[in-house]
Amino acid sequence: MSKNPFIDEIRNKAKSKNALVAFPDAEDIRTIKASRFLKDEKIARPVLVGNPENIRKVATENGVNIEDILIYDSKKDEHRNDFAAMLYEKRKHKGMTQEQAFETVGNPLYYAGFLLETGIVNVVVGGNVSSTGDVMRASIFTVGVAEGISIVSSFFIMTFPDKMYCFADCAVNPDPTAPQLCDIAISSATNFQKITGVEPKIAMLSFSTNGSAEHDLVAKVQSATSMLKEKAPHLQSDGEMQLDAAIIPSIGERKFPGSTVAGKANVLVFPDLNSGNIGYKLTERLAGAEAVGPIVQGLRKPYCDLSRGCSVDDMVNVAAICSLM
């Protein structure tokens, strides 16, 4: 049991899916412990990808039994030739050769991606050892970007005992354009609703509320908000607005009268990575929120990138959340 009721709820929801989750950074004791926990608690069915001998050595040295957990050897498994052919077809227009494709899918990040692409597993969770750049390349090369979405981004679920928010993008895109901000908002709202069951209310954040300031940075958020309302009229959204106007009802009514979102927002879209990354860490460190993520979004299928500083609990939670996407 977690101390956070939201985490308990997510883990219980994931149990009903009991998804197959592949871990490509498997020669890491955190992966092995998370896999053992997921299996024992019936939250998901873990699949390890990598060198079986090395993985079992780490497990044995740490006293973790993984005899009942499936391991794919990315360099020797029977699917490698098929996956190499698929990668070659996807990347030959970029100059990739068949030999390069075969070598590339021997990398567990790519092998796991094709396990996901072909439906052998339901989710991939990596990045506890590999860099974000390597994970993102593998995910885009294998499963690709979702139809109608221009950018891969990320979100955090920020949880308090009595409420939760979705923060985006806090980990991937340094300075998204207005169309990209629009797509980040759509992806975030869609996933927030899938995971929590709560109707999303999107605030497009800025240092200005409803035209209170004029600046190119404000104009970008205003433009993104207009695009969002046109592209996704089914979603409740508004902007530009300051953070206090987004989440405090009395301030929202005063600064943005008539808005259906101001004061009630639960999906907060930051204008750039500076504000997003600082914002989630302030909320976590000073306000005591639990930050769950980052969760990668905008891909055709759930291929998630962890922080290399993640804990075993983080890995379990991300696997559970991705099972619901």
C-alpha atoms as a PDB file:
ATOM      1  CA  MET A   1       0.000   0.000   0.000  1.00  0.00           C
ATOM      2  CA  SER A   2       1.174   3.531  -0.788  1.00  0.00           C
ATOM      3  CA  LYS A   3       0.576   6.434   1.599  1.00  0.00           C
ATOM      4  CA  ASN A   4      -0.998   8.303  -1.311  1.00  0.00           C
ATOM      5  CA  PRO A   5      -4.620   7.324  -2.126  1.00  0.00           C
ATOM      6  CA  PHE A   6      -4.170   8.368  -5.764  1.00  0.00           C
ATOM      7  CA  ILE A   7      -1.255   5.957  -6.139  1.00  0.00           C
ATOM      8  CA  ASP A   8      -3.286   3.146  -4.578  1.00  0.00           C
ATOM      9  CA  GLU A   9      -6.153   3.907  -6.980  1.00  0.00           C
ATOM     10  CA  ILE A  10      -3.859   3.856 -10.020  1.00  0.00           C
ATOM     11  CA  ARG A  11      -2.240   0.587  -8.964  1.00  0.00           C
ATOM     12  CA  ASN A  12      -5.658  -1.000  -8.424  1.00  0.00           C
ATOM     13  CA  LYS A  13      -6.860   0.188 -11.827  1.00  0.00           C
ATOM     14  CA  ALA A  14      -3.709  -1.241 -13.426  1.00  0.00           C
ATOM     15  CA  LYS A  15      -4.424  -4.627 -11.844  1.00  0.00           C
ATOM     16  CA  SER A  16      -7.591  -4.873 -13.914  1.00  0.00           C
ATOM     17  CA  LYS A  17      -5.449  -4.471 -17.084  1.00  0.00           C
ATOM     18  CA  ASN A  18      -2.570  -6.695 -15.886  1.00  0.00           C
ATOM     19  CA  ALA A  19      -0.585  -5.413 -18.894  1.00  0.00           C
ATOM     20  CA  LEU A  20       2.648  -6.864 -20.232  1.00  0.00           C
ATOM     21  CA  VAL A  21       5.327  -4.264 -19.446  1.00  0.00           C
ATOM     22  CA  ALA A  22       8.782  -4.512 -21.051  1.00  0.00           C
ATOM     23  CA  PHE A  23      11.828  -3.074 -19.268  1.00  0.00           C
ATOM     24  CA  PRO A  24      14.811  -2.545 -21.615  1.00  0.00           C
ATOM     25  CA  ASP A  25      17.163  -1.214 -18.903  1.00  0.00           C
ATOM     26  CA  ALA A  26      16.991  -4.570 -17.184  1.00  0.00           C
ATOM     27  CA  GLU A  27      20.533  -5.013 -15.857  1.00  0.00           C
ATOM     28  CA  ASP A  28      19.690  -2.654 -12.994  1.00  0.00           C
ATOM     29  CA  ILE A  29      18.622  -3.891  -9.577  1.00  0.00           C
ATOM     30  CA  ARG A  30      15.850  -1.266  -9.463  1.00  0.00           C
ATOM     31  CA  THR A  31      14.295  -2.803 -12.587  1.00  0.00           C
ATOM     32  CA  ILE A  32      14.543  -6.274 -11.120  1.00  0.00           C
ATOM     33  CA  LYS A  33      12.976  -5.231  -7.798  1.00  0.00           C
ATOM     34  CA  ALA A  34      10.210  -3.290  -9.555  1.00  0.00           C
ATOM     35  CA  SER A  35       9.485  -6.296 -11.767  1.00  0.00           C
ATOM     36  CA  ARG A  36       9.290  -8.599  -8.749  1.00  0.00           C
ATOM     37  CA  PHE A  37       6.870  -6.194  -7.036  1.00  0.00           C
ATOM     38  CA  LEU A  38       4.673  -5.766 -10.132  1.00  0.00           C
ATOM     39  CA  LYS A  39       4.483  -9.533 -10.544  1.00  0.00           C
ATOM     40  CA  ASP A  40       3.813 -10.317  -6.872  1.00  0.00           C
ATOM     41  CA  GLU A  41       1.156  -7.594  -6.515  1.00  0.00           C
ATOM     42  CA  LYS A  42      -0.433  -8.551  -9.880  1.00  0.00           C
ATOM     43  CA  ILE A  43      -0.219  -4.913 -11.052  1.00  0.00           C
ATOM     44  CA  ALA A  44       1.410  -5.925 -14.349  1.00  0.00           C
ATOM     45  CA  ARG A  45       3.275  -8.766 -16.007  1.00  0.00           C
ATOM     46  CA  PRO A  46       6.928  -7.656 -16.323  1.00  0.00           C
ATOM     47  CA  VAL A  47       9.147  -8.643 -19.241  1.00  0.00           C
ATOM     48  CA  LEU A  48      12.905  -8.023 -19.071  1.00  0.00           C
ATOM     49  CA  VAL A  49      14.920  -7.269 -22.222  1.00  0.00           C
ATOM     50  CA  GLY A  50      18.697  -7.643 -22.378  1.00  0.00           C
ATOM     51  CA  ASN A  51      21.434 -10.147 -21.682  1.00  0.00           C
ATOM     52  CA  PRO A  52      19.815 -12.944 -19.617  1.00  0.00           C
ATOM     53  CA  GLU A  53      23.086 -13.974 -18.001  1.00  0.00           C
ATOM     54  CA  ASN A  54      23.832 -10.443 -16.790  1.00  0.00           C
ATOM     55  CA  ILE A  55      20.258  -9.866 -15.609  1.00  0.00           C
ATOM     56  CA  ARG A  56      20.173 -13.118 -13.607  1.00  0.00           C
ATOM     57  CA  LYS A  57      23.601 -12.317 -12.115  1.00  0.00           C
ATOM     58  CA  VAL A  58      22.326  -8.970 -10.758  1.00  0.00           C
ATOM     59  CA  ALA A  59      19.187 -10.648  -9.407  1.00  0.00           C
ATOM     60  CA  THR A  60      21.126 -13.434  -7.694  1.00  0.00           C
ATOM     61  CA  GLU A  61      23.646 -11.030  -6.143  1.00  0.00           C
ATOM     62  CA  ASN A  62      20.743  -9.112  -4.608  1.00  0.00           C
ATOM     63  CA  GLY A  63      18.670 -12.098  -3.539  1.00  0.00           C
ATOM     64  CA  VAL A  64      15.746 -11.476  -5.903  1.00  0.00           C
ATOM     65  CA  ASN A  65      14.062 -14.481  -7.497  1.00  0.00           C
ATOM     66  CA  ILE A  66      13.175 -13.849 -11.164  1.00  0.00           C
ATOM     67  CA  GLU A  67      12.749 -17.461 -12.315  1.00  0.00           C
ATOM     68  CA  ASP A  68       9.100 -16.782 -13.210  1.00  0.00           C
ATOM     69  CA  ILE A  69       9.802 -13.533 -15.131  1.00  0.00           C
ATOM     70  CA  LEU A  70      10.207 -13.709 -18.921  1.00  0.00           C
ATOM     71  CA  ILE A  71      13.517 -12.437 -20.372  1.00  0.00           C
ATOM     72  CA  TYR A  72      14.045 -11.563 -24.049  1.00  0.00           C
ATOM     73  CA  ASP A  73      17.647 -11.696 -25.256  1.00  0.00           C
ATOM     74  CA  SER A  74      17.684  -8.832 -27.758  1.00  0.00           C
ATOM     75  CA  LYS A  75      20.755 -10.182 -29.546  1.00  0.00           C
ATOM     76  CA  LYS A  76      19.667 -13.819 -29.886  1.00  0.00           C
ATOM     77  CA  ASP A  77      15.859 -13.882 -29.805  1.00  0.00           C
ATOM     78  CA  GLU A  78      13.919 -15.312 -32.752  1.00  0.00           C
ATOM     79  CA  HIS A  79      12.192 -11.991 -33.495  1.00  0.00           C
ATOM     80  CA  ARG A  80      15.411 -10.067 -34.196  1.00  0.00           C
ATOM     81  CA  ASN A  81      15.396 -10.632 -37.985  1.00  0.00           C
ATOM     82  CA  ASP A  82      11.744  -9.580 -38.283  1.00  0.00           C
ATOM     83  CA  PHE A  83      12.284  -6.497 -36.157  1.00  0.00           C
ATOM     84  CA  ALA A  84      15.369  -5.565 -38.202  1.00  0.00           C
ATOM     85  CA  ALA A  85      13.298  -5.790 -41.396  1.00  0.00           C
ATOM     86  CA  MET A  86      10.632  -3.537 -39.859  1.00  0.00           C
ATOM     87  CA  LEU A  87      13.194  -0.961 -38.781  1.00  0.00           C
ATOM     88  CA  TYR A  88      14.829  -1.011 -42.201  1.00  0.00           C
ATOM     89  CA  GLU A  89      11.476  -0.262 -43.866  1.00  0.00           C
ATOM     90  CA  LYS A  90      10.834   2.611 -41.463  1.00  0.00           C
ATOM     91  CA  ARG A  91      14.304   4.177 -41.794  1.00  0.00           C
ATOM     92  CA  LYS A  92      15.640   3.303 -45.264  1.00  0.00           C
ATOM     93  CA  HIS A  93      14.532   6.703 -46.579  1.00  0.00           C
ATOM     94  CA  LYS A  94      16.956   8.176 -44.052  1.00  0.00           C
ATOM     95  CA  GLY A  95      19.807   6.039 -45.390  1.00  0.00           C
ATOM     96  CA  MET A  96      19.727   3.185 -42.870  1.00  0.00           C
ATOM     97  CA  THR A  97      21.094  -0.088 -44.297  1.00  0.00           C
ATOM     98  CA  GLN A  98      19.822  -3.594 -43.511  1.00  0.00           C
ATOM     99  CA  GLU A  99      23.034  -4.297 -41.599  1.00  0.00           C
ATOM    100  CA  GLN A 100      22.590  -1.151 -39.503  1.00  0.00           C
ATOM    101  CA  ALA A 101      18.971  -2.076 -38.793  1.00  0.00           C
ATOM    102  CA  PHE A 102      19.969  -5.567 -37.605  1.00  0.00           C
ATOM    103  CA  GLU A 103      22.644  -4.116 -35.339  1.00  0.00           C
ATOM    104  CA  THR A 104      20.280  -1.448 -33.967  1.00  0.00           C
ATOM    105  CA  VAL A 105      17.515  -3.824 -32.894  1.00  0.00           C
ATOM    106  CA  GLY A 106      20.080  -5.736 -30.854  1.00  0.00           C
ATOM    107  CA  ASN A 107      19.889  -2.729 -28.512  1.00  0.00           C
ATOM    108  CA  PRO A 108      17.265  -3.533 -25.833  1.00  0.00           C
ATOM    109  CA  LEU A 109      15.657  -0.062 -26.221  1.00  0.00           C
ATOM    110  CA  TYR A 110      14.836  -0.782 -29.870  1.00  0.00           C
ATOM    111  CA  TYR A 111      14.010  -4.440 -29.306  1.00  0.00           C
ATOM    112  CA  ALA A 112      11.527  -3.494 -26.595  1.00  0.00           C
ATOM    113  CA  GLY A 113      10.059  -0.860 -28.919  1.00  0.00           C
ATOM    114  CA  PHE A 114       9.299  -3.493 -31.526  1.00  0.00           C
ATOM    115  CA  LEU A 115       7.847  -5.824 -28.893  1.00  0.00           C
ATOM    116  CA  LEU A 116       5.448  -2.921 -28.278  1.00  0.00           C
ATOM    117  CA  GLU A 117       4.905  -2.092 -31.948  1.00  0.00           C
ATOM    118  CA  THR A 118       3.992  -5.701 -32.766  1.00  0.00           C
ATOM    119  CA  GLY A 119       1.644  -6.064 -29.786  1.00  0.00           C
ATOM    120  CA  ILE A 120       3.748  -8.654 -27.964  1.00  0.00           C
ATOM    121  CA  VAL A 121       3.819  -6.309 -24.959  1.00  0.00           C
ATOM    122  CA  ASN A 122       1.471  -3.444 -24.028  1.00  0.00           C
ATOM    123  CA  VAL A 123       3.908  -0.941 -22.495  1.00  0.00           C
ATOM    124  CA  VAL A 124       7.647  -0.153 -22.442  1.00  0.00           C
ATOM    125  CA  VAL A 125       9.263   1.550 -19.448  1.00  0.00           C
ATOM    126  CA  GLY A 126      12.932   2.541 -19.855  1.00  0.00           C
ATOM    127  CA  GLY A 127      15.297   5.366 -19.066  1.00  0.00           C
ATOM    128  CA  ASN A 128      16.363   4.349 -15.555  1.00  0.00           C
ATOM    129  CA  VAL A 129      19.821   3.733 -17.085  1.00  0.00           C
ATOM    130  CA  SER A 130      19.602   5.015 -20.688  1.00  0.00           C
ATOM    131  CA  SER A 131      19.572   8.733 -21.477  1.00  0.00           C
ATOM    132  CA  THR A 132      16.358  10.532 -22.412  1.00  0.00           C
ATOM    133  CA  GLY A 133      17.745  11.177 -25.905  1.00  0.00           C
ATOM    134  CA  ASP A 134      18.392   7.473 -26.485  1.00  0.00           C
ATOM    135  CA  VAL A 135      14.949   6.485 -25.176  1.00  0.00           C
ATOM    136  CA  MET A 136      13.175   9.109 -27.269  1.00  0.00           C
ATOM    137  CA  ARG A 137      15.008   8.056 -30.460  1.00  0.00           C
ATOM    138  CA  ALA A 138      14.183   4.400 -29.854  1.00  0.00           C
ATOM    139  CA  SER A 139      10.512   5.156 -29.206  1.00  0.00           C
ATOM    140  CA  ILE A 140      10.122   7.369 -32.292  1.00  0.00           C
ATOM    141  CA  PHE A 141      12.019   4.909 -34.535  1.00  0.00           C
ATOM    142  CA  THR A 142       9.904   1.951 -33.397  1.00  0.00           C
ATOM    143  CA  VAL A 143       6.330   2.986 -32.475  1.00  0.00           C
ATOM    144  CA  GLY A 144       6.378   6.530 -33.909  1.00  0.00           C
ATOM    145  CA  VAL A 145       4.359   9.658 -33.180  1.00  0.00           C
ATOM    146  CA  ALA A 146       0.567   9.558 -32.697  1.00  0.00           C
ATOM    147  CA  GLU A 147      -1.595  10.549 -35.643  1.00  0.00           C
ATOM    148  CA  GLY A 148      -2.590  14.217 -35.598  1.00  0.00           C
ATOM    149  CA  ILE A 149      -0.044  15.115 -32.906  1.00  0.00           C
ATOM    150  CA  SER A 150       3.016  17.112 -33.979  1.00  0.00           C
ATOM    151  CA  ILE A 151       5.267  16.550 -30.979  1.00  0.00           C
ATOM    152  CA  VAL A 152       6.347  14.062 -28.337  1.00  0.00           C
ATOM    153  CA  SER A 153       6.121  15.636 -24.893  1.00  0.00           C
ATOM    154  CA  SER A 154       5.725  14.701 -21.234  1.00  0.00           C
ATOM    155  CA  PHE A 155       3.562  15.264 -18.190  1.00  0.00           C
ATOM    156  CA  PHE A 156       3.617  14.756 -14.452  1.00  0.00           C
ATOM    157  CA  ILE A 157       0.673  13.899 -12.220  1.00  0.00           C
ATOM    158  CA  MET A 158       1.154  16.086  -9.135  1.00  0.00           C
ATOM    159  CA  THR A 159      -0.778  14.579  -6.247  1.00  0.00           C
ATOM    160  CA  PHE A 160      -1.882  16.010  -2.911  1.00  0.00           C
ATOM    161  CA  PRO A 161      -4.009  14.153  -0.334  1.00  0.00           C
ATOM    162  CA  ASP A 162      -7.175  15.884  -1.585  1.00  0.00           C
ATOM    163  CA  LYS A 163      -6.459  16.911  -5.189  1.00  0.00           C
ATOM    164  CA  MET A 164      -4.246  16.350  -8.199  1.00  0.00           C
ATOM    165  CA  TYR A 165      -3.028  18.217 -11.244  1.00  0.00           C
ATOM    166  CA  CYS A 166      -1.458  17.396 -14.579  1.00  0.00           C
ATOM    167  CA  PHE A 167       1.673  19.499 -15.332  1.00  0.00           C
ATOM    168  CA  ALA A 168       3.057  19.640 -18.915  1.00  0.00           C
ATOM    169  CA  ASP A 169       5.594  19.785 -20.475  1.00  0.00           C
ATOM    170  CA  CYS A 170       8.177  19.569 -17.696  1.00  0.00           C
ATOM    171  CA  ALA A 171      10.827  17.306 -19.193  1.00  0.00           C
ATOM    172  CA  VAL A 172      11.171  17.220 -22.986  1.00  0.00           C
ATOM    173  CA  ASN A 173      10.653  20.378 -25.103  1.00  0.00           C
ATOM    174  CA  PRO A 174      12.698  23.485 -24.215  1.00  0.00           C
ATOM    175  CA  ASP A 175      10.678  26.046 -26.188  1.00  0.00           C
ATOM    176  CA  PRO A 176       7.586  24.659 -27.935  1.00  0.00           C
ATOM    177  CA  THR A 177       5.917  26.710 -30.657  1.00  0.00           C
ATOM    178  CA  ALA A 178       2.256  27.714 -30.435  1.00  0.00           C
ATOM    179  CA  PRO A 179       1.062  24.689 -32.512  1.00  0.00           C
ATOM    180  CA  GLN A 180       3.244  22.415 -30.377  1.00  0.00           C
ATOM    181  CA  LEU A 181       1.830  23.893 -27.148  1.00  0.00           C
ATOM    182  CA  CYS A 182      -1.643  23.217 -28.525  1.00  0.00           C
ATOM    183  CA  ASP A 183      -0.770  19.544 -29.135  1.00  0.00           C
ATOM    184  CA  ILE A 184       0.886  19.222 -25.715  1.00  0.00           C
ATOM    185  CA  ALA A 185      -2.376  20.445 -24.163  1.00  0.00           C
ATOM    186  CA  ILE A 186      -4.478  17.938 -26.135  1.00  0.00           C
ATOM    187  CA  SER A 187      -2.209  14.988 -25.289  1.00  0.00           C
ATOM    188  CA  SER A 188      -2.054  15.985 -21.619  1.00  0.00           C
ATOM    189  CA  ALA A 189      -5.793  16.412 -21.209  1.00  0.00           C
ATOM    190  CA  THR A 190      -6.529  13.128 -22.992  1.00  0.00           C
ATOM    191  CA  ASN A 191      -4.103  11.155 -20.842  1.00  0.00           C
ATOM    192  CA  PHE A 192      -5.160  12.885 -17.610  1.00  0.00           C
ATOM    193  CA  GLN A 193      -8.738  11.779 -18.223  1.00  0.00           C
ATOM    194  CA  LYS A 194      -7.713   8.223 -19.166  1.00  0.00           C
ATOM    195  CA  ILE A 195      -5.614   7.806 -16.037  1.00  0.00           C
ATOM    196  CA  THR A 196      -7.736   9.582 -13.433  1.00  0.00           C
ATOM    197  CA  GLY A 197     -11.248   9.485 -14.858  1.00  0.00           C
ATOM    198  CA  VAL A 198     -11.523  13.206 -14.039  1.00  0.00           C
ATOM    199  CA  GLU A 199     -12.754  15.685 -16.666  1.00  0.00           C
ATOM    200  CA  PRO A 200      -9.791  17.858 -17.735  1.00  0.00           C
ATOM    201  CA  LYS A 201      -9.904  21.647 -17.503  1.00  0.00           C
ATOM    202  CA  ILE A 202      -6.904  23.091 -19.332  1.00  0.00           C
ATOM    203  CA  ALA A 203      -5.190  26.350 -18.345  1.00  0.00           C
ATOM    204  CA  MET A 204      -2.641  27.725 -20.818  1.00  0.00           C
ATOM    205  CA  LEU A 205      -0.252  29.411 -18.400  1.00  0.00           C
ATOM    206  CA  SER A 206       1.529  32.731 -18.834  1.00  0.00           C
ATOM    207  CA  PHE A 207       2.659  35.743 -16.808  1.00  0.00           C
ATOM    208  CA  SER A 208      -0.431  37.507 -18.216  1.00  0.00           C
ATOM    209  CA  THR A 209      -4.139  36.834 -17.664  1.00  0.00           C
ATOM    210  CA  ASN A 210      -6.724  37.505 -20.364  1.00  0.00           C
ATOM    211  CA  GLY A 211      -4.658  40.195 -22.077  1.00  0.00           C
ATOM    212  CA  SER A 212      -3.338  41.946 -18.965  1.00  0.00           C
ATOM    213  CA  ALA A 213       0.141  42.191 -20.544  1.00  0.00           C
ATOM    214  CA  GLU A 214       1.535  42.472 -24.067  1.00  0.00           C
ATOM    215  CA  HIS A 215       4.671  40.597 -25.083  1.00  0.00           C
ATOM    216  CA  ASP A 216       5.777  38.085 -27.689  1.00  0.00           C
ATOM    217  CA  LEU A 217       5.783  35.370 -25.002  1.00  0.00           C
ATOM    218  CA  VAL A 218       2.169  36.188 -24.140  1.00  0.00           C
ATOM    219  CA  ALA A 219       1.196  36.243 -27.806  1.00  0.00           C
ATOM    220  CA  LYS A 220       2.568  32.693 -28.220  1.00  0.00           C
ATOM    221  CA  VAL A 221       0.291  31.365 -25.470  1.00  0.00           C
ATOM    222  CA  GLN A 222      -2.692  33.327 -26.801  1.00  0.00           C
ATOM    223  CA  SER A 223      -2.115  31.833 -30.235  1.00  0.00           C
ATOM    224  CA  ALA A 224      -1.773  28.318 -28.803  1.00  0.00           C
ATOM    225  CA  THR A 225      -5.043  28.774 -26.890  1.00  0.00           C
ATOM    226  CA  SER A 226      -6.902  29.828 -30.045  1.00  0.00           C
ATOM    227  CA  MET A 227      -5.545  26.786 -31.903  1.00  0.00           C
ATOM    228  CA  LEU A 228      -6.537  24.523 -29.014  1.00  0.00           C
ATOM    229  CA  LYS A 229     -10.126  25.775 -28.961  1.00  0.00           C
ATOM    230  CA  GLU A 230     -10.393  25.231 -32.721  1.00  0.00           C
ATOM    231  CA  LYS A 231      -8.646  21.832 -32.855  1.00  0.00           C
ATOM    232  CA  ALA A 232     -10.217  20.329 -29.721  1.00  0.00           C
ATOM    233  CA  PRO A 233     -13.541  22.085 -29.037  1.00  0.00           C
ATOM    234  CA  HIS A 234     -14.633  19.106 -26.911  1.00  0.00           C
ATOM    235  CA  LEU A 235     -12.036  20.000 -24.273  1.00  0.00           C
ATOM    236  CA  GLN A 236     -12.597  22.757 -21.694  1.00  0.00           C
ATOM    237  CA  SER A 237      -9.671  25.159 -22.097  1.00  0.00           C
ATOM    238  CA  ASP A 238      -8.796  28.794 -21.584  1.00  0.00           C
ATOM    239  CA  GLY A 239      -5.863  31.172 -21.582  1.00  0.00           C
ATOM    240  CA  GLU A 240      -3.675  32.893 -21.376  1.00  0.00           C
ATOM    241  CA  MET A 241      -3.753  32.997 -17.588  1.00  0.00           C
ATOM    242  CA  GLN A 242      -1.480  33.228 -14.560  1.00  0.00           C
ATOM    243  CA  LEU A 243      -1.176  30.299 -12.184  1.00  0.00           C
ATOM    244  CA  ASP A 244      -3.223  31.904  -9.396  1.00  0.00           C
ATOM    245  CA  ALA A 245      -6.019  32.715 -11.821  1.00  0.00           C
ATOM    246  CA  ALA A 246      -5.928  29.096 -13.004  1.00  0.00           C
ATOM    247  CA  ILE A 247      -6.315  27.349  -9.646  1.00  0.00           C
ATOM    248  CA  ILE A 248      -7.790  29.831  -7.102  1.00  0.00           C
ATOM    249  CA  PRO A 249     -11.552  30.325  -7.744  1.00  0.00           C
ATOM    250  CA  SER A 250     -11.814  33.838  -6.246  1.00  0.00           C
ATOM    251  CA  ILE A 251      -8.820  35.059  -8.269  1.00  0.00           C
ATOM    252  CA  GLY A 252     -10.012  33.319 -11.412  1.00  0.00           C
ATOM    253  CA  GLU A 253     -13.409  35.040 -11.167  1.00  0.00           C
ATOM    254  CA  ARG A 254     -11.768  38.426 -10.632  1.00  0.00           C
ATOM    255  CA  LYS A 255      -9.053  38.194 -13.295  1.00  0.00           C
ATOM    256  CA  PHE A 256     -10.873  36.121 -15.924  1.00  0.00           C
ATOM    257  CA  PRO A 257     -14.660  36.648 -15.513  1.00  0.00           C
ATOM    258  CA  GLY A 258     -16.770  34.332 -17.624  1.00  0.00           C
ATOM    259  CA  SER A 259     -14.094  31.662 -18.004  1.00  0.00           C
ATOM    260  CA  THR A 260     -15.282  28.109 -17.303  1.00  0.00           C
ATOM    261  CA  VAL A 261     -11.720  27.041 -16.529  1.00  0.00           C
ATOM    262  CA  ALA A 262     -10.206  29.887 -14.473  1.00  0.00           C
ATOM    263  CA  GLY A 263     -10.007  28.938 -10.811  1.00  0.00           C
ATOM    264  CA  LYS A 264     -10.878  25.311 -11.570  1.00  0.00           C
ATOM    265  CA  ALA A 265      -8.041  24.157 -13.845  1.00  0.00           C
ATOM    266  CA  ASN A 266      -6.514  20.715 -13.305  1.00  0.00           C
ATOM    267  CA  VAL A 267      -4.326  20.483 -16.454  1.00  0.00           C
ATOM    268  CA  LEU A 268      -1.641  23.178 -16.369  1.00  0.00           C
ATOM    269  CA  VAL A 269       0.260  23.708 -19.628  1.00  0.00           C
ATOM    270  CA  PHE A 270       3.477  25.667 -19.103  1.00  0.00           C
ATOM    271  CA  PRO A 271       4.770  27.927 -21.895  1.00  0.00           C
ATOM    272  CA  ASP A 272       8.298  26.455 -21.925  1.00  0.00           C
ATOM    273  CA  LEU A 273      10.565  23.942 -20.223  1.00  0.00           C
ATOM    274  CA  ASN A 274      12.100  26.494 -17.847  1.00  0.00           C
ATOM    275  CA  SER A 275       8.765  27.267 -16.244  1.00  0.00           C
ATOM    276  CA  GLY A 276       7.501  23.676 -16.408  1.00  0.00           C
ATOM    277  CA  ASN A 277      10.535  22.055 -14.839  1.00  0.00           C
ATOM    278  CA  ILE A 278      10.892  24.722 -12.144  1.00  0.00           C
ATOM    279  CA  GLY A 279       7.148  24.634 -11.490  1.00  0.00           C
ATOM    280  CA  TYR A 280       6.901  20.919 -10.826  1.00  0.00           C
ATOM    281  CA  LYS A 281       9.974  20.916  -8.584  1.00  0.00           C
ATOM    282  CA  LEU A 282       8.696  23.876  -6.545  1.00  0.00           C
ATOM    283  CA  THR A 283       5.359  22.112  -6.117  1.00  0.00           C
ATOM    284  CA  GLU A 284       7.090  18.911  -5.060  1.00  0.00           C
ATOM    285  CA  ARG A 285       9.737  20.396  -2.763  1.00  0.00           C
ATOM    286  CA  LEU A 286       7.940  23.339  -1.160  1.00  0.00           C
ATOM    287  CA  ALA A 287       4.276  22.353  -1.341  1.00  0.00           C
ATOM    288  CA  GLY A 288       4.758  18.662  -0.550  1.00  0.00           C
ATOM    289  CA  ALA A 289       3.134  17.231  -3.653  1.00  0.00           C
ATOM    290  CA  GLU A 290       4.132  13.791  -4.895  1.00  0.00           C
ATOM    291  CA  ALA A 291       5.334  14.045  -8.497  1.00  0.00           C
ATOM    292  CA  VAL A 292       4.522  10.965 -10.572  1.00  0.00           C
ATOM    293  CA  GLY A 293       6.346  10.949 -13.891  1.00  0.00           C
ATOM    294  CA  PRO A 294       7.588  12.173 -16.235  1.00  0.00           C
ATOM    295  CA  ILE A 295       5.235  10.239 -18.495  1.00  0.00           C
ATOM    296  CA  VAL A 296       6.059  10.472 -22.196  1.00  0.00           C
ATOM    297  CA  GLN A 297       3.087  11.212 -24.462  1.00  0.00           C
ATOM    298  CA  GLY A 298       2.401  11.886 -28.110  1.00  0.00           C
ATOM    299  CA  LEU A 299       3.582   8.451 -29.247  1.00  0.00           C
ATOM    300  CA  ARG A 300       1.346   5.889 -30.954  1.00  0.00           C
ATOM    301  CA  LYS A 301       1.816   3.511 -28.028  1.00  0.00           C
ATOM    302  CA  PRO A 302       2.982   3.963 -24.401  1.00  0.00           C
ATOM    303  CA  TYR A 303       6.793   3.959 -24.374  1.00  0.00           C
ATOM    304  CA  CYS A 304       7.854   5.775 -21.212  1.00  0.00           C
ATOM    305  CA  ASP A 305      11.111   7.473 -20.211  1.00  0.00           C
ATOM    306  CA  LEU A 306      12.045   7.408 -16.515  1.00  0.00           C
ATOM    307  CA  SER A 307      14.441   9.722 -14.721  1.00  0.00           C
ATOM    308  CA  ARG A 308      17.806   8.043 -14.132  1.00  0.00           C
ATOM    309  CA  GLY A 309      17.393   9.027 -10.464  1.00  0.00           C
ATOM    310  CA  CYS A 310      14.098   7.158 -10.147  1.00  0.00           C
ATOM    311  CA  SER A 311      13.265   4.837  -7.275  1.00  0.00           C
ATOM    312  CA  VAL A 312      11.733   1.359  -7.432  1.00  0.00           C
ATOM    313  CA  ASP A 313       8.422   2.930  -6.365  1.00  0.00           C
ATOM    314  CA  ASP A 314       8.669   5.432  -9.235  1.00  0.00           C
ATOM    315  CA  MET A 315       9.140   2.581 -11.692  1.00  0.00           C
ATOM    316  CA  VAL A 316       6.137   0.694 -10.316  1.00  0.00           C
ATOM    317  CA  ASN A 317       3.953   3.816 -10.483  1.00  0.00           C
ATOM    318  CA  VAL A 318       4.993   4.735 -14.019  1.00  0.00           C
ATOM    319  CA  ALA A 319       4.394   1.159 -15.189  1.00  0.00           C
ATOM    320  CA  ALA A 320       0.917   1.303 -13.617  1.00  0.00           C
ATOM    321  CA  ILE A 321       0.077   4.668 -15.191  1.00  0.00           C
ATOM    322  CA  CYS A 322       1.328   3.648 -18.633  1.00  0.00           C
ATOM    323  CA  SER A 323      -0.821   0.517 -18.412  1.00  0.00           C
ATOM    324  CA  LEU A 324      -3.857   2.833 -18.362  1.00  0.00           C
ATOM    325  CA  MET A 325      -2.853   5.028 -21.338  1.00  0.00           C
END
